Amino acid sequence: MAGKMNINVRSEIGELEGVILHTPGREVENMTPKNAERALYSDILNLSVAQKEYSQLSAVLGKITKTFQVQDLLTDILKNEKVKNNLLNKISEKEHKCSIIPYLSSLEAPELSRQLIQGVVEQKNTLTKYLNKERYALRPLHNFFFTRDASMSVLDDVLIGRMANRVRDREAVIMEAIFDFHEEFITRTVNPLGSPKFTEDISIEGGDVLIARDDILCIGTGTRTTSQGIDFIIERLKAQKDKKRHILVQELPHKPESFIHLDMVFTFLDVDKCMVYEPLILQSNRYQTIHITIENGEVTSIKQEENLLKSLQKLGMDLKPIFCGGSKDSWVQEREQWHSGANFFAVGPGKVIGYGRNIYTMEEMNKNGFEILKAKDIISGKIDPKTYKKYVITLEGSELPRGGGGARCMTMPIRRKPVKW
């Protein structure tokens, strides 16, 4: 894959050819119990343990595909003075911190990249700043290792997230700059903020946007992606009159926090299998599944469906559900869903990555033909995943799940091979 990479993602399961990661750094620890909730955490992670666990994900993916790190990509584009100045102006204006531009401009690209992610410490050189209890002039991006949310590869374009919480806005600004200016990528960014119809009600995060097929999007709506955000996506698809398209919208509960995104209760595993949190996806409940059809630049139908799987079946995708937490005990299902048991990332059809701690989920995967492979065995060379037709690579996960996400949350795919449906 030498040379530039065209962004091309037309499914959740196509063989992976490129992915963007962000190894958690000091930004994860740069918080206190007092501001952890503002940072969207319920607890403070142990960074050394989280990094050790994350290294399994990045090392496994490094053996399978081409990987990129956000901080490296950001460093590259900051070496261009024009890009650097434009990005700093955008960030400082958005966060009302124009006074720190001279300081930031004086930093070399690697150090500037680090501080834009890990936080810029406030220089206590005035009485007002001295009395201010905030430690940072620019707050750390505590959630950036969940690279899925701030930008989404959708077909040939990159949809820039409009984050539900302003504390994450800089993630989207950085990702947009990377895709607009890094020489490695060929794509077009689509940002809701640039729409003439933009309203403050619009929010879209990547954990809610799943590409079932090149003509089908599954999108969750709840605390992070609003109906107005989905309406923005509908307007974009209406402008593409090349083919009939479908959006399947799944309503999500606002509590508990483990239901934050659709990919926490539903992910694609293979051409004919998916992972579901059965109580929400398949049981009768008050959370609707809505099928929106777009054809010739118009919305031709909006109707309620029985559930997400029945909707996909009607569109020619007959998927067998595998139950997160197994099918025998609702308490076990609930516990494993809480620890991202439904959140799998596919590196190819029938080849996925998830947390090994969810043992009942793994038992269900094994019953359905997936070999259980430990990440450490692949990294050491003890096991070659290429010798297995279907597998789930299990990551160690004691700290990372406490951050509120799994393998899909921590990966932003930028290119996949076509799937033979």
Protein backbone atom coordinates (compact mmCIF):
# COMPACT_ATOMS: atom_id res chain seq x y z
CA MET A 1 0.00 0.00 0.00
CA ALA A 2 2.70 2.44 -0.98
CA GLY A 3 1.77 6.01 -1.76
CA LYS A 4 -1.41 7.88 -0.94
CA MET A 5 -4.45 6.11 0.45
CA ASN A 6 -7.93 6.70 -0.89
CA ILE A 7 -10.53 6.58 1.87
CA ASN A 8 -12.93 3.75 1.07
CA VAL A 9 -15.19 2.09 3.66
CA ARG A 10 -18.35 0.42 2.39
CA SER A 11 -19.01 -2.08 5.16
CA GLU A 12 -18.20 -2.87 8.77
CA ILE A 13 -16.53 -6.17 7.94
CA GLY A 14 -14.49 -5.78 4.73
CA GLU A 15 -10.84 -6.81 4.99
CA LEU A 16 -9.08 -3.94 6.74
CA GLU A 17 -6.42 -2.03 4.78
CA GLY A 18 -5.85 0.96 7.04
CA VAL A 19 -6.86 2.19 10.49
CA ILE A 20 -6.18 5.23 12.68
CA LEU A 21 -5.41 4.72 16.37
CA HIS A 22 -4.47 6.90 19.32
CA THR A 23 -2.50 5.30 22.12
CA PRO A 24 -3.76 6.78 25.42
CA GLY A 25 -1.22 9.16 26.91
CA ARG A 26 -0.95 11.58 29.81
CA GLU A 27 -4.30 13.13 28.85
CA VAL A 28 -6.00 10.10 30.42
CA GLU A 29 -4.45 10.86 33.81
CA ASN A 30 -4.63 14.63 33.55
CA MET A 31 -7.84 14.85 35.55
CA THR A 32 -9.00 14.65 39.15
CA PRO A 33 -12.04 13.07 40.78
CA LYS A 34 -13.59 16.54 40.79
CA ASN A 35 -13.48 16.97 37.00
CA ALA A 36 -13.66 13.33 35.90
CA GLU A 37 -17.40 13.59 35.26
CA ARG A 38 -16.89 16.67 33.11
CA ALA A 39 -14.32 14.64 31.16
CA LEU A 40 -17.09 12.00 30.61
CA TYR A 41 -15.44 9.47 32.95
CA SER A 42 -16.96 7.87 36.03
CA ASP A 43 -13.48 7.01 37.33
CA ILE A 44 -9.80 7.70 36.64
CA LEU A 45 -7.93 5.06 34.66
CA ASN A 46 -4.57 3.64 35.62
CA LEU A 47 -2.56 4.87 32.62
CA SER A 48 0.24 2.29 32.76
CA VAL A 49 -2.25 -0.59 32.77
CA ALA A 50 -4.43 1.04 30.10
CA GLN A 51 -1.37 1.54 27.86
CA LYS A 52 -0.29 -2.08 28.33
CA GLU A 53 -3.76 -3.28 27.32
CA TYR A 54 -3.97 -0.86 24.41
CA SER A 55 -0.57 -2.01 23.16
CA GLN A 56 -2.17 -5.40 22.49
CA LEU A 57 -4.72 -3.79 20.18
CA SER A 58 -2.16 -1.71 18.30
CA ALA A 59 0.35 -4.58 18.05
CA VAL A 60 -2.26 -7.03 16.72
CA LEU A 61 -3.51 -4.51 14.17
CA GLY A 62 0.08 -3.76 13.20
CA LYS A 63 0.47 -7.40 12.17
CA ILE A 64 -2.76 -7.34 10.16
CA THR A 65 -2.94 -3.97 8.44
CA LYS A 66 -1.43 -0.51 8.02
CA THR A 67 -1.86 1.60 11.16
CA PHE A 68 -1.56 5.32 11.80
CA GLN A 69 -1.30 7.21 15.09
CA VAL A 70 -3.21 10.46 15.55
CA GLN A 71 -0.32 12.23 17.26
CA ASP A 72 2.10 11.33 14.45
CA LEU A 73 -0.36 12.51 11.78
CA LEU A 74 -0.97 15.74 13.68
CA THR A 75 2.77 16.32 14.02
CA ASP A 76 3.19 15.90 10.26
CA ILE A 77 0.62 18.55 9.32
CA LEU A 78 1.85 21.00 11.99
CA LYS A 79 5.19 21.20 10.16
CA ASN A 80 3.35 23.27 7.55
CA GLU A 81 3.25 26.82 8.98
CA LYS A 82 0.07 27.78 7.16
CA VAL A 83 -1.78 24.68 8.37
CA LYS A 84 -0.36 25.20 11.87
CA ASN A 85 -1.53 28.81 12.06
CA ASN A 86 -4.99 28.03 10.70
CA LEU A 87 -5.45 25.15 13.13
CA LEU A 88 -4.29 27.16 16.13
CA ASN A 89 -6.58 30.03 15.19
CA LYS A 90 -9.55 27.68 14.84
CA ILE A 91 -8.87 25.96 18.18
CA SER A 92 -8.22 29.15 20.12
CA GLU A 93 -11.31 30.88 18.72
CA LYS A 94 -13.54 27.89 19.43
CA GLU A 95 -12.24 27.58 22.99
CA HIS A 96 -11.90 31.36 23.57
CA LYS A 97 -8.16 31.12 24.23
CA CYS A 98 -6.67 33.50 21.66
CA SER A 99 -4.14 34.79 24.21
CA ILE A 100 -2.15 31.54 24.10
CA ILE A 101 -1.54 31.58 20.34
CA PRO A 102 1.95 33.18 20.66
CA TYR A 103 3.03 30.48 23.11
CA LEU A 104 1.64 27.64 21.00
CA SER A 105 3.15 29.09 17.84
CA SER A 106 6.59 28.99 19.43
CA LEU A 107 6.47 25.21 19.93
CA GLU A 108 8.00 22.73 17.51
CA ALA A 109 5.54 20.39 15.78
CA PRO A 110 6.09 17.29 17.99
CA GLU A 111 5.70 19.23 21.24
CA LEU A 112 2.75 21.23 19.94
CA SER A 113 1.05 18.03 18.85
CA ARG A 114 1.56 16.53 22.29
CA GLN A 115 0.19 19.56 24.13
CA LEU A 116 -2.86 19.93 21.88
CA ILE A 117 -3.80 16.39 22.92
CA GLN A 118 -2.48 16.11 26.48
CA GLY A 119 -3.40 19.64 27.51
CA VAL A 120 -1.74 23.07 27.65
CA VAL A 121 -0.89 24.03 31.23
CA GLU A 122 -2.05 27.52 32.20
CA GLN A 123 0.82 29.93 32.79
CA LYS A 124 -0.03 31.57 36.13
CA ASN A 125 1.47 34.94 35.20
CA THR A 126 -1.45 37.19 36.16
CA LEU A 127 -3.53 37.45 39.32
CA THR A 128 -6.64 36.31 37.46
CA LYS A 129 -4.88 33.21 36.15
CA TYR A 130 -3.32 32.58 39.57
CA LEU A 131 -6.73 32.64 41.24
CA ASN A 132 -8.31 30.48 38.52
CA LYS A 133 -8.69 26.90 39.76
CA GLU A 134 -8.33 25.50 36.21
CA ARG A 135 -4.98 23.81 35.67
CA TYR A 136 -5.13 23.95 31.87
CA ALA A 137 -5.48 26.76 29.37
CA LEU A 138 -6.51 24.07 26.86
CA ARG A 139 -7.99 21.04 28.55
CA PRO A 140 -6.63 17.53 27.85
CA LEU A 141 -8.51 15.38 25.35
CA HIS A 142 -9.25 12.58 27.80
CA ASN A 143 -11.41 10.62 25.34
CA PHE A 144 -9.28 10.79 22.19
CA PHE A 145 -8.22 7.14 22.32
CA PHE A 146 -11.81 6.45 21.28
CA THR A 147 -10.89 7.54 17.75
CA ARG A 148 -14.18 6.23 16.32
CA ASP A 149 -16.27 9.21 17.39
CA ALA A 150 -14.66 12.37 16.02
CA SER A 151 -14.54 11.25 12.39
CA MET A 152 -16.18 8.50 10.34
CA SER A 153 -15.19 7.00 6.99
CA VAL A 154 -18.42 6.69 5.02
CA LEU A 155 -17.87 5.39 1.48
CA ASP A 156 -15.26 7.75 -0.03
CA ASP A 157 -15.79 10.66 2.36
CA VAL A 158 -14.95 11.39 5.98
CA LEU A 159 -17.84 12.65 8.06
CA ILE A 160 -16.55 14.90 10.82
CA GLY A 161 -18.27 14.33 14.14
CA ARG A 162 -20.27 17.03 15.83
CA MET A 163 -19.57 15.94 19.39
CA ALA A 164 -22.39 15.87 21.92
CA ASN A 165 -20.11 17.31 24.61
CA ARG A 166 -18.06 20.43 23.95
CA VAL A 167 -15.13 18.98 25.91
CA ARG A 168 -14.51 16.76 22.84
CA ASP A 169 -14.80 19.43 20.12
CA ARG A 170 -11.04 19.71 19.61
CA GLU A 171 -10.88 16.03 18.64
CA ALA A 172 -13.09 16.74 15.63
CA VAL A 173 -11.11 19.88 14.73
CA ILE A 174 -7.87 17.89 14.75
CA MET A 175 -9.26 14.99 12.72
CA GLU A 176 -10.70 17.34 10.11
CA ALA A 177 -7.31 19.05 9.73
CA ILE A 178 -5.57 15.68 9.36
CA PHE A 179 -7.88 14.54 6.56
CA ASP A 180 -7.87 17.94 4.86
CA PHE A 181 -4.11 18.45 4.87
CA HIS A 182 -2.16 15.23 5.42
CA GLU A 183 -0.52 14.09 2.20
CA GLU A 184 -1.18 10.42 3.01
CA PHE A 185 -4.94 10.57 2.45
CA ILE A 186 -7.19 11.30 -0.50
CA THR A 187 -10.70 12.16 0.61
CA ARG A 188 -13.26 14.88 1.17
CA THR A 189 -14.39 15.93 4.63
CA VAL A 190 -18.04 16.64 5.37
CA ASN A 191 -18.64 18.76 8.46
CA PRO A 192 -22.10 19.60 9.84
CA LEU A 193 -20.68 22.91 11.07
CA GLY A 194 -20.23 23.97 7.44
CA SER A 195 -23.84 23.32 6.52
CA PRO A 196 -26.09 26.36 5.90
CA LYS A 197 -28.77 24.41 7.79
CA PHE A 198 -26.58 23.81 10.86
CA THR A 199 -28.28 24.12 14.24
CA GLU A 200 -26.95 23.58 17.76
CA ASP A 201 -29.21 20.51 18.05
CA ILE A 202 -27.05 18.57 15.58
CA SER A 203 -24.73 16.00 17.10
CA ILE A 204 -23.20 12.92 15.42
CA GLU A 205 -20.65 10.52 16.88
CA GLY A 206 -19.00 7.60 15.11
CA GLY A 207 -19.99 4.98 17.66
CA ASP A 208 -23.56 5.44 16.44
CA VAL A 209 -22.83 5.12 12.71
CA LEU A 210 -22.47 1.59 11.29
CA ILE A 211 -22.11 0.86 7.58
CA ALA A 212 -24.06 -2.34 6.97
CA ARG A 213 -23.62 -2.23 3.19
CA ASP A 214 -22.83 0.56 0.76
CA ASP A 215 -26.56 1.31 0.52
CA ILE A 216 -27.48 0.75 4.19
CA LEU A 217 -26.50 2.76 7.26
CA CYS A 218 -27.50 1.72 10.77
CA ILE A 219 -27.50 4.73 13.09
CA GLY A 220 -28.22 4.93 16.79
CA THR A 221 -29.93 7.94 18.32
CA GLY A 222 -29.66 8.65 22.02
CA THR A 223 -27.39 10.75 24.21
CA ARG A 224 -24.67 11.26 21.57
CA THR A 225 -26.36 11.35 18.15
CA THR A 226 -29.54 13.37 17.80
CA SER A 227 -32.39 13.10 15.31
CA GLN A 228 -31.19 16.42 13.89
CA GLY A 229 -27.76 14.87 13.32
CA ILE A 230 -29.36 12.01 11.42
CA ASP A 231 -31.41 14.53 9.41
CA PHE A 232 -28.10 16.11 8.36
CA ILE A 233 -26.91 12.72 7.09
CA ILE A 234 -30.22 12.25 5.27
CA GLU A 235 -29.75 15.57 3.48
CA ARG A 236 -26.27 14.51 2.37
CA LEU A 237 -27.60 11.21 1.02
CA LYS A 238 -30.45 12.96 -0.78
CA ALA A 239 -27.86 14.87 -2.77
CA GLN A 240 -26.34 11.55 -3.94
CA LYS A 241 -28.83 10.34 -6.52
CA ASP A 242 -26.69 7.46 -7.76
CA LYS A 243 -28.63 4.73 -5.96
CA LYS A 244 -31.40 3.90 -3.51
CA ARG A 245 -30.23 4.19 0.08
CA HIS A 246 -31.57 3.09 3.45
CA ILE A 247 -31.04 4.37 6.98
CA LEU A 248 -32.08 2.14 9.85
CA VAL A 249 -32.39 4.23 13.00
CA GLN A 250 -32.26 2.52 16.39
CA GLU A 251 -33.42 4.50 19.40
CA LEU A 252 -31.22 4.01 22.49
CA PRO A 253 -31.88 4.55 26.20
CA HIS A 254 -30.27 7.59 27.79
CA LYS A 255 -29.30 5.50 30.81
CA PRO A 256 -27.27 3.60 31.82
CA GLU A 257 -24.17 5.17 30.32
CA SER A 258 -23.14 1.84 28.74
CA PHE A 259 -25.82 2.50 26.06
CA ILE A 260 -23.97 5.60 24.92
CA HIS A 261 -23.67 4.40 21.27
CA LEU A 262 -25.26 1.84 18.96
CA ASP A 263 -22.02 -0.14 18.76
CA MET A 264 -22.32 -0.87 22.48
CA VAL A 265 -25.39 -3.02 21.79
CA PHE A 266 -24.95 -4.10 18.16
CA THR A 267 -21.97 -4.82 15.88
CA PHE A 268 -21.40 -6.73 12.63
CA LEU A 269 -19.23 -9.86 12.79
CA ASP A 270 -19.53 -11.58 9.41
CA VAL A 271 -21.60 -11.60 6.22
CA ASP A 272 -24.23 -13.60 8.08
CA LYS A 273 -23.64 -12.92 11.79
CA CYS A 274 -23.90 -10.02 14.21
CA MET A 275 -23.44 -9.42 17.92
CA VAL A 276 -26.46 -8.12 19.80
CA TYR A 277 -27.42 -7.12 23.30
CA GLU A 278 -30.62 -9.09 23.07
CA PRO A 279 -32.79 -7.26 25.67
CA LEU A 280 -32.58 -4.02 23.68
CA ILE A 281 -32.22 -5.18 20.07
CA LEU A 282 -34.63 -8.12 19.93
CA GLN A 283 -37.03 -7.97 22.88
CA SER A 284 -40.20 -5.90 22.77
CA ASN A 285 -39.48 -2.52 24.32
CA ARG A 286 -40.28 1.13 23.86
CA TYR A 287 -37.18 1.89 21.78
CA GLN A 288 -38.15 2.17 18.14
CA THR A 289 -36.43 0.94 15.00
CA ILE A 290 -37.20 3.25 12.09
CA HIS A 291 -36.53 2.56 8.40
CA ILE A 292 -35.90 5.59 6.18
CA THR A 293 -35.71 5.12 2.39
CA ILE A 294 -34.05 7.69 0.13
CA GLU A 295 -34.45 7.53 -3.64
CA ASN A 296 -33.88 10.03 -6.45
CA GLY A 297 -33.01 12.78 -4.00
CA GLU A 298 -36.13 12.36 -1.87
CA VAL A 299 -37.17 10.60 1.31
CA THR A 300 -39.76 8.18 -0.09
CA SER A 301 -40.61 6.34 3.12
CA ILE A 302 -40.27 6.58 6.92
CA LYS A 303 -41.76 3.69 8.84
CA GLN A 304 -41.38 1.78 12.07
CA GLU A 305 -39.96 -1.76 11.97
CA GLU A 306 -40.18 -4.65 14.43
CA ASN A 307 -36.44 -4.60 15.15
CA LEU A 308 -33.07 -3.96 13.55
CA LEU A 309 -32.48 -7.55 12.40
CA LYS A 310 -35.90 -7.84 10.75
CA SER A 311 -35.21 -4.55 8.94
CA LEU A 312 -31.87 -5.80 7.63
CA GLN A 313 -33.44 -9.10 6.60
CA LYS A 314 -35.98 -7.28 4.44
CA LEU A 315 -33.06 -5.58 2.70
CA GLY A 316 -31.34 -8.87 1.92
CA MET A 317 -29.04 -9.10 4.94
CA ASP A 318 -30.11 -12.19 6.87
CA LEU A 319 -27.97 -12.13 10.01
CA LYS A 320 -27.84 -14.68 12.80
CA PRO A 321 -27.62 -12.91 16.16
CA ILE A 322 -25.00 -13.95 18.70
CA PHE A 323 -25.97 -12.82 22.17
CA CYS A 324 -23.72 -10.63 24.29
CA GLY A 325 -23.43 -12.41 27.65
CA GLY A 326 -25.04 -15.57 26.33
CA SER A 327 -28.73 -16.40 26.30
CA LYS A 328 -29.38 -17.94 29.71
CA ASP A 329 -29.04 -15.18 32.31
CA SER A 330 -30.15 -11.56 31.91
CA TRP A 331 -27.84 -10.48 34.74
CA VAL A 332 -24.83 -11.89 32.90
CA GLN A 333 -25.97 -10.20 29.68
CA GLU A 334 -26.25 -6.88 31.48
CA ARG A 335 -22.87 -7.21 33.16
CA GLU A 336 -20.99 -8.12 29.99
CA GLN A 337 -22.72 -5.42 27.95
CA TRP A 338 -21.53 -2.93 30.57
CA HIS A 339 -17.96 -4.03 29.86
CA SER A 340 -18.30 -3.53 26.09
CA GLY A 341 -19.19 -7.17 25.46
CA ALA A 342 -21.12 -6.29 22.29
CA ASN A 343 -18.44 -3.96 20.96
CA PHE A 344 -16.43 -5.88 18.34
CA PHE A 345 -14.15 -4.55 15.59
CA ALA A 346 -13.89 -6.56 12.38
CA VAL A 347 -10.60 -6.83 10.51
CA GLY A 348 -12.30 -9.00 7.88
CA PRO A 349 -15.45 -11.10 7.41
CA GLY A 350 -15.66 -13.42 10.41
CA LYS A 351 -12.44 -12.01 11.87
CA VAL A 352 -12.97 -9.71 14.86
CA ILE A 353 -11.37 -8.27 17.99
CA GLY A 354 -12.98 -7.93 21.43
CA TYR A 355 -12.39 -8.12 25.18
CA GLY A 356 -11.56 -11.58 26.53
CA ARG A 357 -12.99 -10.74 29.96
CA ASN A 358 -16.53 -11.27 28.63
CA ILE A 359 -16.34 -15.03 28.95
CA TYR A 360 -19.99 -15.86 28.30
CA THR A 361 -19.93 -13.77 25.14
CA MET A 362 -16.79 -15.61 24.05
CA GLU A 363 -18.47 -18.95 24.69
CA GLU A 364 -21.29 -17.91 22.36
CA MET A 365 -18.78 -16.82 19.73
CA ASN A 366 -17.01 -20.18 19.94
CA LYS A 367 -20.31 -22.07 19.64
CA ASN A 368 -20.90 -20.16 16.41
CA GLY A 369 -17.66 -21.16 14.75
CA PHE A 370 -15.24 -18.47 15.94
CA GLU A 371 -11.86 -19.68 17.19
CA ILE A 372 -10.80 -17.83 20.34
CA LEU A 373 -7.26 -16.46 19.90
CA LYS A 374 -5.37 -14.52 22.55
CA ALA A 375 -3.79 -11.27 21.42
CA LYS A 376 -0.56 -12.03 23.28
CA ASP A 377 -0.15 -15.29 21.36
CA ILE A 378 -0.49 -13.49 18.03
CA ILE A 379 1.94 -10.75 19.07
CA SER A 380 4.53 -13.31 20.19
CA GLY A 381 4.18 -15.25 16.93
CA LYS A 382 2.86 -18.34 18.67
CA ILE A 383 -0.34 -18.15 16.59
CA ASP A 384 -0.79 -16.94 13.02
CA PRO A 385 -4.36 -15.65 12.55
CA LYS A 386 -4.08 -16.20 8.79
CA THR A 387 -4.38 -19.92 9.39
CA TYR A 388 -7.90 -19.50 10.81
CA LYS A 389 -11.00 -18.89 8.72
CA LYS A 390 -13.01 -17.31 11.55
CA TYR A 391 -11.74 -15.98 14.82
CA VAL A 392 -12.08 -13.49 17.63
CA ILE A 393 -8.85 -12.04 18.97
CA THR A 394 -9.22 -11.40 22.69
CA LEU A 395 -7.65 -8.38 24.34
CA GLU A 396 -6.88 -8.16 28.02
CA GLY A 397 -9.23 -5.58 29.48
CA SER A 398 -9.30 -4.48 33.10
CA GLU A 399 -8.70 -0.73 32.69
CA LEU A 400 -9.73 0.09 29.11
CA PRO A 401 -13.36 -1.08 29.52
CA ARG A 402 -13.67 1.29 32.49
CA GLY A 403 -13.17 4.13 30.01
CA GLY A 404 -16.47 3.15 28.42
CA GLY A 405 -15.63 1.46 25.14
CA GLY A 406 -14.25 -1.54 23.28
CA ALA A 407 -12.25 -2.41 20.18
CA ARG A 408 -14.64 -0.71 17.73
CA CYS A 409 -14.63 2.48 19.81
CA MET A 410 -10.82 2.61 19.74
CA THR A 411 -10.40 2.24 15.97
CA MET A 412 -11.14 4.51 13.02
CA PRO A 413 -10.93 2.43 9.80
CA ILE A 414 -10.06 4.36 6.66
CA ARG A 415 -9.99 1.66 4.02
CA ARG A 416 -11.55 -1.78 3.57
CA LYS A 417 -11.69 -4.24 0.69
CA PRO A 418 -15.08 -4.94 -0.92
CA VAL A 419 -17.18 -7.71 0.63
CA LYS A 420 -18.52 -10.58 -1.49
CA TRP A 421 -22.11 -10.65 -0.36
